[in-house]
């Protein structure tokens, strides 16, 4: 039997986060986003060499930072170089749950011109989570007009 190029149970794209205190981050993601831990590989010194979480139908991979790794945690960068976008059934309640677990709202949840109710949370480890519920299908012509109006409002 042939080996599948994308293993069973994985999607073609999965974010990989370097997190100072990966074990603490796993606990936070479980409380905040209902993550299920799929696996954890311990590394020397009590660090996590690799872990996989399931959030909804997607996988998020993470580890503690290591000198030989190419990913750096936000604490080393002075911010994050990427974010994680999460579609959910109820953005308002999930953002509140993330805040109750220790995250910080960095953009209040509001209805957006593209048809999502959307907000952002920075987790206690410095990663930014954009969280949304799709509430409206916007036709392309109307999207262009709404985008133009939104950009004009930002410029003033």
C-alpha atoms as a PDB file:
ATOM      1  CA  UNK A   1       0.000   0.000   0.000  1.00  0.00           C
ATOM      2  CA  UNK A   2       1.333   3.441  -0.940  1.00  0.00           C
ATOM      3  CA  UNK A   3       2.076   6.058   1.683  1.00  0.00           C
ATOM      4  CA  UNK A   4      -0.103   9.170   1.366  1.00  0.00           C
ATOM      5  CA  UNK A   5       1.871  12.394   0.773  1.00  0.00           C
ATOM      6  CA  UNK A   6      -0.448  14.210   3.218  1.00  0.00           C
ATOM      7  CA  UNK A   7      -0.976  11.907   6.208  1.00  0.00           C
ATOM      8  CA  UNK A   8      -4.487  10.891   7.218  1.00  0.00           C
ATOM      9  CA  UNK A   9      -6.004  13.450   9.609  1.00  0.00           C
ATOM     10  CA  UNK A  10      -3.883  16.403   8.426  1.00  0.00           C
ATOM     11  CA  UNK A  11      -4.626  19.314   6.101  1.00  0.00           C
ATOM     12  CA  UNK A  12      -2.137  20.656   3.589  1.00  0.00           C
ATOM     13  CA  UNK A  13      -1.377  23.777   5.663  1.00  0.00           C
ATOM     14  CA  UNK A  14      -0.853  23.826   9.433  1.00  0.00           C
ATOM     15  CA  UNK A  15       0.584  26.709  11.451  1.00  0.00           C
ATOM     16  CA  UNK A  16       3.667  25.913  13.537  1.00  0.00           C
ATOM     17  CA  UNK A  17       4.182  28.136  16.563  1.00  0.00           C
ATOM     18  CA  UNK A  18       7.346  28.587  18.599  1.00  0.00           C
ATOM     19  CA  UNK A  19       6.115  29.345  22.103  1.00  0.00           C
ATOM     20  CA  UNK A  20       8.043  30.231  25.227  1.00  0.00           C
ATOM     21  CA  UNK A  21       6.487  27.743  27.699  1.00  0.00           C
ATOM     22  CA  UNK A  22       4.799  25.451  25.194  1.00  0.00           C
ATOM     23  CA  UNK A  23       3.231  23.395  27.991  1.00  0.00           C
ATOM     24  CA  UNK A  24       1.541  26.520  29.363  1.00  0.00           C
ATOM     25  CA  UNK A  25       0.430  27.473  25.852  1.00  0.00           C
ATOM     26  CA  UNK A  26      -1.154  24.058  25.357  1.00  0.00           C
ATOM     27  CA  UNK A  27      -3.135  24.523  28.567  1.00  0.00           C
ATOM     28  CA  UNK A  28      -4.210  28.015  27.443  1.00  0.00           C
ATOM     29  CA  UNK A  29      -5.282  26.818  23.959  1.00  0.00           C
ATOM     30  CA  UNK A  30      -7.337  24.043  25.548  1.00  0.00           C
ATOM     31  CA  UNK A  31      -9.170  26.545  27.801  1.00  0.00           C
ATOM     32  CA  UNK A  32      -9.452  29.362  25.266  1.00  0.00           C
ATOM     33  CA  UNK A  33     -10.148  27.523  22.011  1.00  0.00           C
ATOM     34  CA  UNK A  34     -11.236  24.044  23.076  1.00  0.00           C
ATOM     35  CA  UNK A  35      -8.062  22.547  21.614  1.00  0.00           C
ATOM     36  CA  UNK A  36      -7.578  18.808  21.877  1.00  0.00           C
ATOM     37  CA  UNK A  37      -4.020  17.597  22.363  1.00  0.00           C
ATOM     38  CA  UNK A  38      -3.188  14.999  19.712  1.00  0.00           C
ATOM     39  CA  UNK A  39       0.398  14.380  20.728  1.00  0.00           C
ATOM     40  CA  UNK A  40       3.346  15.742  22.671  1.00  0.00           C
ATOM     41  CA  UNK A  41       7.039  14.878  22.367  1.00  0.00           C
ATOM     42  CA  UNK A  42       9.114  15.817  25.384  1.00  0.00           C
ATOM     43  CA  UNK A  43      12.565  17.301  24.887  1.00  0.00           C
ATOM     44  CA  UNK A  44      15.455  17.525  27.351  1.00  0.00           C
ATOM     45  CA  UNK A  45      15.041  19.899  30.278  1.00  0.00           C
ATOM     46  CA  UNK A  46      11.265  19.563  30.457  1.00  0.00           C
ATOM     47  CA  UNK A  47      10.748  21.402  27.172  1.00  0.00           C
ATOM     48  CA  UNK A  48       8.349  20.341  24.433  1.00  0.00           C
ATOM     49  CA  UNK A  49      10.113  19.330  21.231  1.00  0.00           C
ATOM     50  CA  UNK A  50       6.877  19.020  19.251  1.00  0.00           C
ATOM     51  CA  UNK A  51       3.168  18.989  20.017  1.00  0.00           C
ATOM     52  CA  UNK A  52       0.035  18.894  17.923  1.00  0.00           C
ATOM     53  CA  UNK A  53      -3.328  20.363  18.832  1.00  0.00           C
ATOM     54  CA  UNK A  54      -6.632  19.957  17.065  1.00  0.00           C
ATOM     55  CA  UNK A  55      -8.784  23.078  16.962  1.00  0.00           C
ATOM     56  CA  UNK A  56     -11.992  22.519  15.047  1.00  0.00           C
ATOM     57  CA  UNK A  57     -11.016  20.630  11.903  1.00  0.00           C
ATOM     58  CA  UNK A  58      -7.431  21.936  11.836  1.00  0.00           C
ATOM     59  CA  UNK A  59      -4.069  21.122  13.367  1.00  0.00           C
ATOM     60  CA  UNK A  60      -1.793  23.632  15.102  1.00  0.00           C
ATOM     61  CA  UNK A  61       1.741  22.454  15.770  1.00  0.00           C
ATOM     62  CA  UNK A  62       3.984  24.021  18.389  1.00  0.00           C
ATOM     63  CA  UNK A  63       7.129  23.646  20.432  1.00  0.00           C
ATOM     64  CA  UNK A  64       9.336  25.467  22.836  1.00  0.00           C
ATOM     65  CA  UNK A  65      12.006  27.507  21.009  1.00  0.00           C
ATOM     66  CA  UNK A  66      15.290  25.796  20.214  1.00  0.00           C
ATOM     67  CA  UNK A  67      18.448  27.453  18.854  1.00  0.00           C
ATOM     68  CA  UNK A  68      18.549  25.185  15.791  1.00  0.00           C
ATOM     69  CA  UNK A  69      14.891  25.830  14.853  1.00  0.00           C
ATOM     70  CA  UNK A  70      13.889  28.326  12.175  1.00  0.00           C
ATOM     71  CA  UNK A  71      10.843  29.653  14.073  1.00  0.00           C
ATOM     72  CA  UNK A  72      11.233  32.163  16.906  1.00  0.00           C
ATOM     73  CA  UNK A  73       8.705  32.985  19.612  1.00  0.00           C
ATOM     74  CA  UNK A  74       7.129  36.456  19.841  1.00  0.00           C
ATOM     75  CA  UNK A  75       9.108  37.100  23.042  1.00  0.00           C
ATOM     76  CA  UNK A  76      12.338  37.008  20.990  1.00  0.00           C
ATOM     77  CA  UNK A  77      10.943  39.017  18.082  1.00  0.00           C
ATOM     78  CA  UNK A  78       9.274  41.767  20.092  1.00  0.00           C
ATOM     79  CA  UNK A  79       5.986  40.748  18.438  1.00  0.00           C
ATOM     80  CA  UNK A  80       4.757  38.066  16.111  1.00  0.00           C
ATOM     81  CA  UNK A  81       5.548  37.720  12.417  1.00  0.00           C
ATOM     82  CA  UNK A  82       2.338  35.818  11.621  1.00  0.00           C
ATOM     83  CA  UNK A  83      -1.118  35.287  13.019  1.00  0.00           C
ATOM     84  CA  UNK A  84      -3.606  32.450  13.171  1.00  0.00           C
ATOM     85  CA  UNK A  85      -7.070  32.955  11.632  1.00  0.00           C
ATOM     86  CA  UNK A  86      -9.853  30.964  13.254  1.00  0.00           C
ATOM     87  CA  UNK A  87     -13.430  30.664  11.951  1.00  0.00           C
ATOM     88  CA  UNK A  88     -15.914  29.685  14.674  1.00  0.00           C
ATOM     89  CA  UNK A  89     -19.662  29.405  15.260  1.00  0.00           C
ATOM     90  CA  UNK A  90     -19.806  32.289  17.777  1.00  0.00           C
ATOM     91  CA  UNK A  91     -16.929  34.774  17.666  1.00  0.00           C
ATOM     92  CA  UNK A  92     -18.208  36.841  20.590  1.00  0.00           C
ATOM     93  CA  UNK A  93     -18.323  33.945  23.044  1.00  0.00           C
ATOM     94  CA  UNK A  94     -14.973  32.488  21.910  1.00  0.00           C
ATOM     95  CA  UNK A  95     -13.207  35.842  22.227  1.00  0.00           C
ATOM     96  CA  UNK A  96     -14.628  36.177  25.738  1.00  0.00           C
ATOM     97  CA  UNK A  97     -13.483  32.647  26.561  1.00  0.00           C
ATOM     98  CA  UNK A  98      -9.977  33.472  25.276  1.00  0.00           C
ATOM     99  CA  UNK A  99      -9.885  36.625  27.422  1.00  0.00           C
ATOM    100  CA  UNK A 100     -11.167  34.744  30.478  1.00  0.00           C
ATOM    101  CA  UNK A 101      -8.333  32.233  29.962  1.00  0.00           C
ATOM    102  CA  UNK A 102      -5.741  35.049  29.974  1.00  0.00           C
ATOM    103  CA  UNK A 103      -5.688  36.548  26.467  1.00  0.00           C
ATOM    104  CA  UNK A 104      -6.010  40.243  25.611  1.00  0.00           C
ATOM    105  CA  UNK A 105      -8.398  41.754  23.068  1.00  0.00           C
ATOM    106  CA  UNK A 106      -6.318  43.643  20.506  1.00  0.00           C
ATOM    107  CA  UNK A 107      -9.262  44.434  18.225  1.00  0.00           C
ATOM    108  CA  UNK A 108     -12.829  44.489  19.499  1.00  0.00           C
ATOM    109  CA  UNK A 109     -15.275  42.165  17.758  1.00  0.00           C
ATOM    110  CA  UNK A 110     -17.291  44.078  15.167  1.00  0.00           C
ATOM    111  CA  UNK A 111     -19.098  43.396  11.908  1.00  0.00           C
ATOM    112  CA  UNK A 112     -16.697  43.881   8.993  1.00  0.00           C
ATOM    113  CA  UNK A 113     -17.336  45.011   5.417  1.00  0.00           C
ATOM    114  CA  UNK A 114     -16.347  41.622   3.970  1.00  0.00           C
ATOM    115  CA  UNK A 115     -19.164  39.803   5.797  1.00  0.00           C
ATOM    116  CA  UNK A 116     -17.448  38.504   8.933  1.00  0.00           C
ATOM    117  CA  UNK A 117     -17.987  39.417  12.551  1.00  0.00           C
ATOM    118  CA  UNK A 118     -14.318  39.667  13.508  1.00  0.00           C
ATOM    119  CA  UNK A 119     -11.906  40.532  16.304  1.00  0.00           C
ATOM    120  CA  UNK A 120      -8.383  39.715  17.471  1.00  0.00           C
ATOM    121  CA  UNK A 121      -6.913  38.339  20.672  1.00  0.00           C
ATOM    122  CA  UNK A 122      -3.250  38.226  21.637  1.00  0.00           C
ATOM    123  CA  UNK A 123      -2.609  35.124  23.699  1.00  0.00           C
ATOM    124  CA  UNK A 124      -0.422  35.266  26.842  1.00  0.00           C
ATOM    125  CA  UNK A 125       2.518  33.980  24.760  1.00  0.00           C
ATOM    126  CA  UNK A 126       2.397  36.786  22.169  1.00  0.00           C
ATOM    127  CA  UNK A 127       0.636  35.069  19.257  1.00  0.00           C
ATOM    128  CA  UNK A 128      -2.240  36.922  17.588  1.00  0.00           C
ATOM    129  CA  UNK A 129      -5.448  35.033  16.865  1.00  0.00           C
ATOM    130  CA  UNK A 130      -7.906  36.573  14.389  1.00  0.00           C
ATOM    131  CA  UNK A 131     -11.293  35.093  15.214  1.00  0.00           C
ATOM    132  CA  UNK A 132     -14.359  35.370  13.005  1.00  0.00           C
ATOM    133  CA  UNK A 133     -17.862  34.150  12.316  1.00  0.00           C
ATOM    134  CA  UNK A 134     -19.065  34.566   8.744  1.00  0.00           C
ATOM    135  CA  UNK A 135     -22.406  36.367   8.941  1.00  0.00           C
ATOM    136  CA  UNK A 136     -23.050  37.614   5.391  1.00  0.00           C
ATOM    137  CA  UNK A 137     -22.184  36.635   1.832  1.00  0.00           C
ATOM    138  CA  UNK A 138     -21.240  39.884   0.109  1.00  0.00           C
ATOM    139  CA  UNK A 139     -21.392  40.033  -3.715  1.00  0.00           C
ATOM    140  CA  UNK A 140     -18.061  41.086  -5.329  1.00  0.00           C
ATOM    141  CA  UNK A 141     -19.378  44.443  -6.620  1.00  0.00           C
ATOM    142  CA  UNK A 142     -20.739  45.370  -3.190  1.00  0.00           C
ATOM    143  CA  UNK A 143     -17.524  44.128  -1.544  1.00  0.00           C
ATOM    144  CA  UNK A 144     -15.505  46.525  -3.701  1.00  0.00           C
ATOM    145  CA  UNK A 145     -17.733  49.450  -2.704  1.00  0.00           C
ATOM    146  CA  UNK A 146     -17.639  48.529   0.971  1.00  0.00           C
ATOM    147  CA  UNK A 147     -13.860  48.110   0.884  1.00  0.00           C
ATOM    148  CA  UNK A 148     -13.462  51.525  -0.747  1.00  0.00           C
ATOM    149  CA  UNK A 149     -15.654  53.140   1.917  1.00  0.00           C
ATOM    150  CA  UNK A 150     -13.822  51.338   4.738  1.00  0.00           C
ATOM    151  CA  UNK A 151     -10.402  52.427   3.434  1.00  0.00           C
ATOM    152  CA  UNK A 152     -11.619  56.015   3.057  1.00  0.00           C
ATOM    153  CA  UNK A 153     -12.895  55.978   6.651  1.00  0.00           C
ATOM    154  CA  UNK A 154      -9.512  54.707   7.882  1.00  0.00           C
ATOM    155  CA  UNK A 155      -7.685  57.480   6.030  1.00  0.00           C
ATOM    156  CA  UNK A 156      -9.739  60.259   7.644  1.00  0.00           C
END
